[in-house]
Amino acid sequence: MRSVDEWLLAYGESHQNPTNKLIHWVCVPLIFMTLIGLLWGVSLPWVPQGEWMGHSLGEWSNLGVVLILFSLVYYSLISIPLALGMGVVSALTIWSVFGLQSLGGIVGLSLVQLCLLIFTLAWIGQFIGHKIEGKKPSFFEDLQFLLIGPLWLLSFIYQRLGVRY
């Protein structure tokens, strides 16, 4: 298995152009958030009773939560400090999904419709960024890079704060 530094370096090779980097700062979080939002509506077969954080536990038993948990396990295998940071990012993402759900109700769209719209626009942005960069997206080489994108951004925040990962 590659180290976190190897993953981040390999990802960074196709993300050198400042415009492409800026696009990624906008689009990667939007893609992560909307992917969780799209999967939020896919319930798991078991639905526990009760409430947690003001929401029914059944609302928490979905593929969005499964993806977050899977991602956090993957991240912990390559960097515990970055996995902890992604835990915070994931909590903010869930909070954002609830916000999107409310916004969708205001504008007359379901969570799925709103997430699909934003997801599509964010991917268009990503491909525009890579066209500007002149290099294909990293995930064409290895699908694991889809999980590395958010870590790559978080690594810049850690570097700015002087946090070792």
C-alpha atoms as a PDB file:
ATOM      1  CA  MET A   1       0.000   0.000   0.000  1.00  0.00           C
ATOM      2  CA  ARG A   2       1.252   3.492  -0.844  1.00  0.00           C
ATOM      3  CA  SER A   3       2.051   5.900   1.956  1.00  0.00           C
ATOM      4  CA  VAL A   4      -0.026   9.053   2.327  1.00  0.00           C
ATOM      5  CA  ASP A   5       2.885  11.105   0.985  1.00  0.00           C
ATOM      6  CA  GLU A   6       3.088   8.902  -2.115  1.00  0.00           C
ATOM      7  CA  TRP A   7      -0.666   9.245  -2.713  1.00  0.00           C
ATOM      8  CA  LEU A   8      -0.615  13.024  -2.279  1.00  0.00           C
ATOM      9  CA  LEU A   9       2.456  13.440  -4.489  1.00  0.00           C
ATOM     10  CA  ALA A  10       0.936  11.270  -7.234  1.00  0.00           C
ATOM     11  CA  TYR A  11      -2.362  13.175  -7.023  1.00  0.00           C
ATOM     12  CA  GLY A  12      -0.556  16.504  -7.109  1.00  0.00           C
ATOM     13  CA  GLU A  13       1.209  15.622 -10.374  1.00  0.00           C
ATOM     14  CA  SER A  14      -1.976  16.329 -12.338  1.00  0.00           C
ATOM     15  CA  HIS A  15      -2.921  19.337 -10.217  1.00  0.00           C
ATOM     16  CA  GLN A  16      -0.187  21.926 -10.797  1.00  0.00           C
ATOM     17  CA  ASN A  17      -2.074  24.658 -12.642  1.00  0.00           C
ATOM     18  CA  PRO A  18      -3.325  27.376 -10.234  1.00  0.00           C
ATOM     19  CA  THR A  19      -6.717  27.584 -11.980  1.00  0.00           C
ATOM     20  CA  ASN A  20      -7.176  23.817 -11.786  1.00  0.00           C
ATOM     21  CA  LYS A  21      -6.214  23.897  -8.093  1.00  0.00           C
ATOM     22  CA  LEU A  22      -8.761  26.649  -7.428  1.00  0.00           C
ATOM     23  CA  ILE A  23     -11.450  24.703  -9.269  1.00  0.00           C
ATOM     24  CA  HIS A  24     -10.609  21.662  -7.137  1.00  0.00           C
ATOM     25  CA  TRP A  25     -10.947  23.706  -3.932  1.00  0.00           C
ATOM     26  CA  VAL A  26     -14.534  24.445  -4.958  1.00  0.00           C
ATOM     27  CA  CYS A  27     -15.551  21.261  -6.765  1.00  0.00           C
ATOM     28  CA  VAL A  28     -14.012  18.464  -4.653  1.00  0.00           C
ATOM     29  CA  PRO A  29     -15.927  19.471  -1.478  1.00  0.00           C
ATOM     30  CA  LEU A  30     -19.115  19.909  -3.533  1.00  0.00           C
ATOM     31  CA  ILE A  31     -18.701  16.467  -5.095  1.00  0.00           C
ATOM     32  CA  PHE A  32     -18.036  14.878  -1.698  1.00  0.00           C
ATOM     33  CA  MET A  33     -21.048  16.621  -0.143  1.00  0.00           C
ATOM     34  CA  THR A  34     -23.433  15.828  -2.977  1.00  0.00           C
ATOM     35  CA  LEU A  35     -22.283  12.214  -3.249  1.00  0.00           C
ATOM     36  CA  ILE A  36     -23.105  11.784   0.438  1.00  0.00           C
ATOM     37  CA  GLY A  37     -26.411  13.575  -0.215  1.00  0.00           C
ATOM     38  CA  LEU A  38     -27.257  11.290  -3.129  1.00  0.00           C
ATOM     39  CA  LEU A  39     -26.473   8.201  -1.058  1.00  0.00           C
ATOM     40  CA  TRP A  40     -28.308   9.600   1.994  1.00  0.00           C
ATOM     41  CA  GLY A  41     -31.626   8.588   0.478  1.00  0.00           C
ATOM     42  CA  VAL A  42     -30.595   4.946   0.026  1.00  0.00           C
ATOM     43  CA  SER A  43     -31.696   3.321   3.275  1.00  0.00           C
ATOM     44  CA  LEU A  44     -30.203   0.150   4.647  1.00  0.00           C
ATOM     45  CA  PRO A  45     -32.530  -2.812   5.228  1.00  0.00           C
ATOM     46  CA  TRP A  46     -32.457  -2.470   9.010  1.00  0.00           C
ATOM     47  CA  VAL A  47     -33.875   0.685  10.567  1.00  0.00           C
ATOM     48  CA  PRO A  48     -33.332   1.102  14.316  1.00  0.00           C
ATOM     49  CA  GLN A  49     -35.834   3.023  16.402  1.00  0.00           C
ATOM     50  CA  GLY A  50     -35.103   6.135  18.409  1.00  0.00           C
ATOM     51  CA  GLU A  51     -33.438   9.477  17.773  1.00  0.00           C
ATOM     52  CA  TRP A  52     -29.927  10.904  17.643  1.00  0.00           C
ATOM     53  CA  MET A  53     -29.008  14.563  17.207  1.00  0.00           C
ATOM     54  CA  GLY A  54     -32.631  15.462  16.549  1.00  0.00           C
ATOM     55  CA  HIS A  55     -33.048  12.957  13.716  1.00  0.00           C
ATOM     56  CA  SER A  56     -34.492   9.476  13.711  1.00  0.00           C
ATOM     57  CA  LEU A  57     -31.856   6.739  13.800  1.00  0.00           C
ATOM     58  CA  GLY A  58     -33.457   5.333  10.663  1.00  0.00           C
ATOM     59  CA  GLU A  59     -32.347   8.491   8.882  1.00  0.00           C
ATOM     60  CA  TRP A  60     -28.740   7.618   9.804  1.00  0.00           C
ATOM     61  CA  SER A  61     -28.878   4.071   8.383  1.00  0.00           C
ATOM     62  CA  ASN A  62     -28.089   4.846   4.762  1.00  0.00           C
ATOM     63  CA  LEU A  63     -25.362   4.428   2.162  1.00  0.00           C
ATOM     64  CA  GLY A  64     -24.080   7.981   2.746  1.00  0.00           C
ATOM     65  CA  VAL A  65     -23.086   7.041   6.285  1.00  0.00           C
ATOM     66  CA  VAL A  66     -21.619   3.760   5.007  1.00  0.00           C
ATOM     67  CA  LEU A  67     -19.450   5.661   2.490  1.00  0.00           C
ATOM     68  CA  ILE A  68     -18.242   8.028   5.200  1.00  0.00           C
ATOM     69  CA  LEU A  69     -17.374   5.134   7.527  1.00  0.00           C
ATOM     70  CA  PHE A  70     -15.632   3.223   4.724  1.00  0.00           C
ATOM     71  CA  SER A  71     -13.660   6.357   3.802  1.00  0.00           C
ATOM     72  CA  LEU A  72     -12.605   6.984   7.383  1.00  0.00           C
ATOM     73  CA  VAL A  73     -11.339   3.411   7.719  1.00  0.00           C
ATOM     74  CA  TYR A  74      -9.412   3.792   4.440  1.00  0.00           C
ATOM     75  CA  TYR A  75      -7.967   7.143   5.553  1.00  0.00           C
ATOM     76  CA  SER A  76      -6.934   5.706   8.933  1.00  0.00           C
ATOM     77  CA  LEU A  77      -4.900   3.057   7.120  1.00  0.00           C
ATOM     78  CA  ILE A  78      -2.753   5.711   5.460  1.00  0.00           C
ATOM     79  CA  SER A  79      -2.780   8.570   8.021  1.00  0.00           C
ATOM     80  CA  ILE A  80      -4.466   8.756  11.413  1.00  0.00           C
ATOM     81  CA  PRO A  81      -4.118  12.574  11.656  1.00  0.00           C
ATOM     82  CA  LEU A  82      -5.709  13.078   8.225  1.00  0.00           C
ATOM     83  CA  ALA A  83      -8.407  10.517   9.073  1.00  0.00           C
ATOM     84  CA  LEU A  84      -9.266  12.548  12.183  1.00  0.00           C
ATOM     85  CA  GLY A  85      -9.468  15.693  10.069  1.00  0.00           C
ATOM     86  CA  MET A  86     -11.677  13.902   7.564  1.00  0.00           C
ATOM     87  CA  GLY A  87     -13.888  12.909  10.494  1.00  0.00           C
ATOM     88  CA  VAL A  88     -14.450  16.623  11.128  1.00  0.00           C
ATOM     89  CA  VAL A  89     -14.956  17.232   7.390  1.00  0.00           C
ATOM     90  CA  SER A  90     -17.449  14.355   7.298  1.00  0.00           C
ATOM     91  CA  ALA A  91     -19.425  15.791  10.221  1.00  0.00           C
ATOM     92  CA  LEU A  92     -19.553  19.168   8.443  1.00  0.00           C
ATOM     93  CA  THR A  93     -20.610  17.356   5.276  1.00  0.00           C
ATOM     94  CA  ILE A  94     -23.515  15.656   7.034  1.00  0.00           C
ATOM     95  CA  TRP A  95     -24.559  19.011   8.474  1.00  0.00           C
ATOM     96  CA  SER A  96     -24.374  20.429   4.917  1.00  0.00           C
ATOM     97  CA  VAL A  97     -26.537  17.595   3.594  1.00  0.00           C
ATOM     98  CA  PHE A  98     -29.214  18.508   6.140  1.00  0.00           C
ATOM     99  CA  GLY A  99     -28.869  22.112   4.946  1.00  0.00           C
ATOM    100  CA  LEU A 100     -29.267  21.015   1.322  1.00  0.00           C
ATOM    101  CA  GLN A 101     -32.338  19.037   2.314  1.00  0.00           C
ATOM    102  CA  SER A 102     -33.862  22.211   3.788  1.00  0.00           C
ATOM    103  CA  LEU A 103     -32.787  24.317   0.802  1.00  0.00           C
ATOM    104  CA  GLY A 104     -34.306  21.780  -1.576  1.00  0.00           C
ATOM    105  CA  GLY A 105     -37.630  22.140   0.204  1.00  0.00           C
ATOM    106  CA  ILE A 106     -37.451  25.913  -0.171  1.00  0.00           C
ATOM    107  CA  VAL A 107     -36.645  25.841  -3.915  1.00  0.00           C
ATOM    108  CA  GLY A 108     -38.978  22.935  -4.666  1.00  0.00           C
ATOM    109  CA  LEU A 109     -36.357  20.250  -5.313  1.00  0.00           C
ATOM    110  CA  SER A 110     -35.791  16.977  -3.518  1.00  0.00           C
ATOM    111  CA  LEU A 111     -32.417  16.337  -1.896  1.00  0.00           C
ATOM    112  CA  VAL A 112     -31.596  13.940  -4.727  1.00  0.00           C
ATOM    113  CA  GLN A 113     -32.508  16.472  -7.428  1.00  0.00           C
ATOM    114  CA  LEU A 114     -30.493  19.255  -5.813  1.00  0.00           C
ATOM    115  CA  CYS A 115     -27.491  17.006  -5.189  1.00  0.00           C
ATOM    116  CA  LEU A 116     -27.614  15.655  -8.729  1.00  0.00           C
ATOM    117  CA  LEU A 117     -27.616  19.196 -10.134  1.00  0.00           C
ATOM    118  CA  ILE A 118     -24.671  20.347  -7.989  1.00  0.00           C
ATOM    119  CA  PHE A 119     -22.806  17.042  -8.500  1.00  0.00           C
ATOM    120  CA  THR A 120     -23.095  17.372 -12.279  1.00  0.00           C
ATOM    121  CA  LEU A 121     -21.979  21.012 -12.300  1.00  0.00           C
ATOM    122  CA  ALA A 122     -19.038  20.234  -9.996  1.00  0.00           C
ATOM    123  CA  TRP A 123     -17.860  17.393 -12.254  1.00  0.00           C
ATOM    124  CA  ILE A 124     -18.124  19.673 -15.275  1.00  0.00           C
ATOM    125  CA  GLY A 125     -15.936  22.110 -13.334  1.00  0.00           C
ATOM    126  CA  GLN A 126     -13.434  19.361 -12.564  1.00  0.00           C
ATOM    127  CA  PHE A 127     -13.134  18.396 -16.218  1.00  0.00           C
ATOM    128  CA  ILE A 128     -12.742  22.044 -17.235  1.00  0.00           C
ATOM    129  CA  GLY A 129      -9.929  22.304 -14.680  1.00  0.00           C
ATOM    130  CA  HIS A 130      -8.206  19.272 -16.114  1.00  0.00           C
ATOM    131  CA  LYS A 131      -8.636  20.608 -19.641  1.00  0.00           C
ATOM    132  CA  ILE A 132      -6.867  23.789 -18.477  1.00  0.00           C
ATOM    133  CA  GLU A 133      -4.231  21.652 -16.730  1.00  0.00           C
ATOM    134  CA  GLY A 134      -3.721  19.566 -19.855  1.00  0.00           C
ATOM    135  CA  LYS A 135      -3.718  16.332 -17.855  1.00  0.00           C
ATOM    136  CA  LYS A 136      -6.404  13.745 -17.315  1.00  0.00           C
ATOM    137  CA  PRO A 137      -7.917  13.306 -13.836  1.00  0.00           C
ATOM    138  CA  SER A 138      -5.915  11.014 -11.548  1.00  0.00           C
ATOM    139  CA  PHE A 139      -8.808   8.608 -11.005  1.00  0.00           C
ATOM    140  CA  PHE A 140      -8.497   7.506 -14.642  1.00  0.00           C
ATOM    141  CA  GLU A 141      -5.260   5.846 -13.457  1.00  0.00           C
ATOM    142  CA  ASP A 142      -6.574   4.480 -10.153  1.00  0.00           C
ATOM    143  CA  LEU A 143     -10.071   4.810  -8.664  1.00  0.00           C
ATOM    144  CA  GLN A 144      -8.558   5.235  -5.191  1.00  0.00           C
ATOM    145  CA  PHE A 145      -7.690   8.793  -6.240  1.00  0.00           C
ATOM    146  CA  LEU A 146     -11.398   9.604  -5.836  1.00  0.00           C
ATOM    147  CA  LEU A 147     -10.786   9.212  -2.095  1.00  0.00           C
ATOM    148  CA  ILE A 148      -7.450  11.054  -2.208  1.00  0.00           C
ATOM    149  CA  GLY A 149      -8.832  14.347  -3.579  1.00  0.00           C
ATOM    150  CA  PRO A 150     -10.374  15.458  -0.257  1.00  0.00           C
ATOM    151  CA  LEU A 151      -7.206  14.373   1.607  1.00  0.00           C
ATOM    152  CA  TRP A 152      -5.071  16.376  -0.827  1.00  0.00           C
ATOM    153  CA  LEU A 153      -7.014  19.523   0.025  1.00  0.00           C
ATOM    154  CA  LEU A 154      -6.930  18.757   3.747  1.00  0.00           C
ATOM    155  CA  SER A 155      -3.151  18.260   3.568  1.00  0.00           C
ATOM    156  CA  PHE A 156      -2.785  21.903   2.465  1.00  0.00           C
ATOM    157  CA  ILE A 157      -4.818  23.033   5.467  1.00  0.00           C
ATOM    158  CA  TYR A 158      -2.659  20.882   7.762  1.00  0.00           C
ATOM    159  CA  GLN A 159       0.511  22.333   6.213  1.00  0.00           C
ATOM    160  CA  ARG A 160      -0.789  25.890   6.695  1.00  0.00           C
ATOM    161  CA  LEU A 161      -1.591  25.118  10.345  1.00  0.00           C
ATOM    162  CA  GLY A 162       1.689  23.280  10.913  1.00  0.00           C
ATOM    163  CA  VAL A 163      -0.073  19.983  11.664  1.00  0.00           C
ATOM    164  CA  ARG A 164       1.940  16.872  10.837  1.00  0.00           C
ATOM    165  CA  TYR A 165       0.241  14.026   9.055  1.00  0.00           C
END
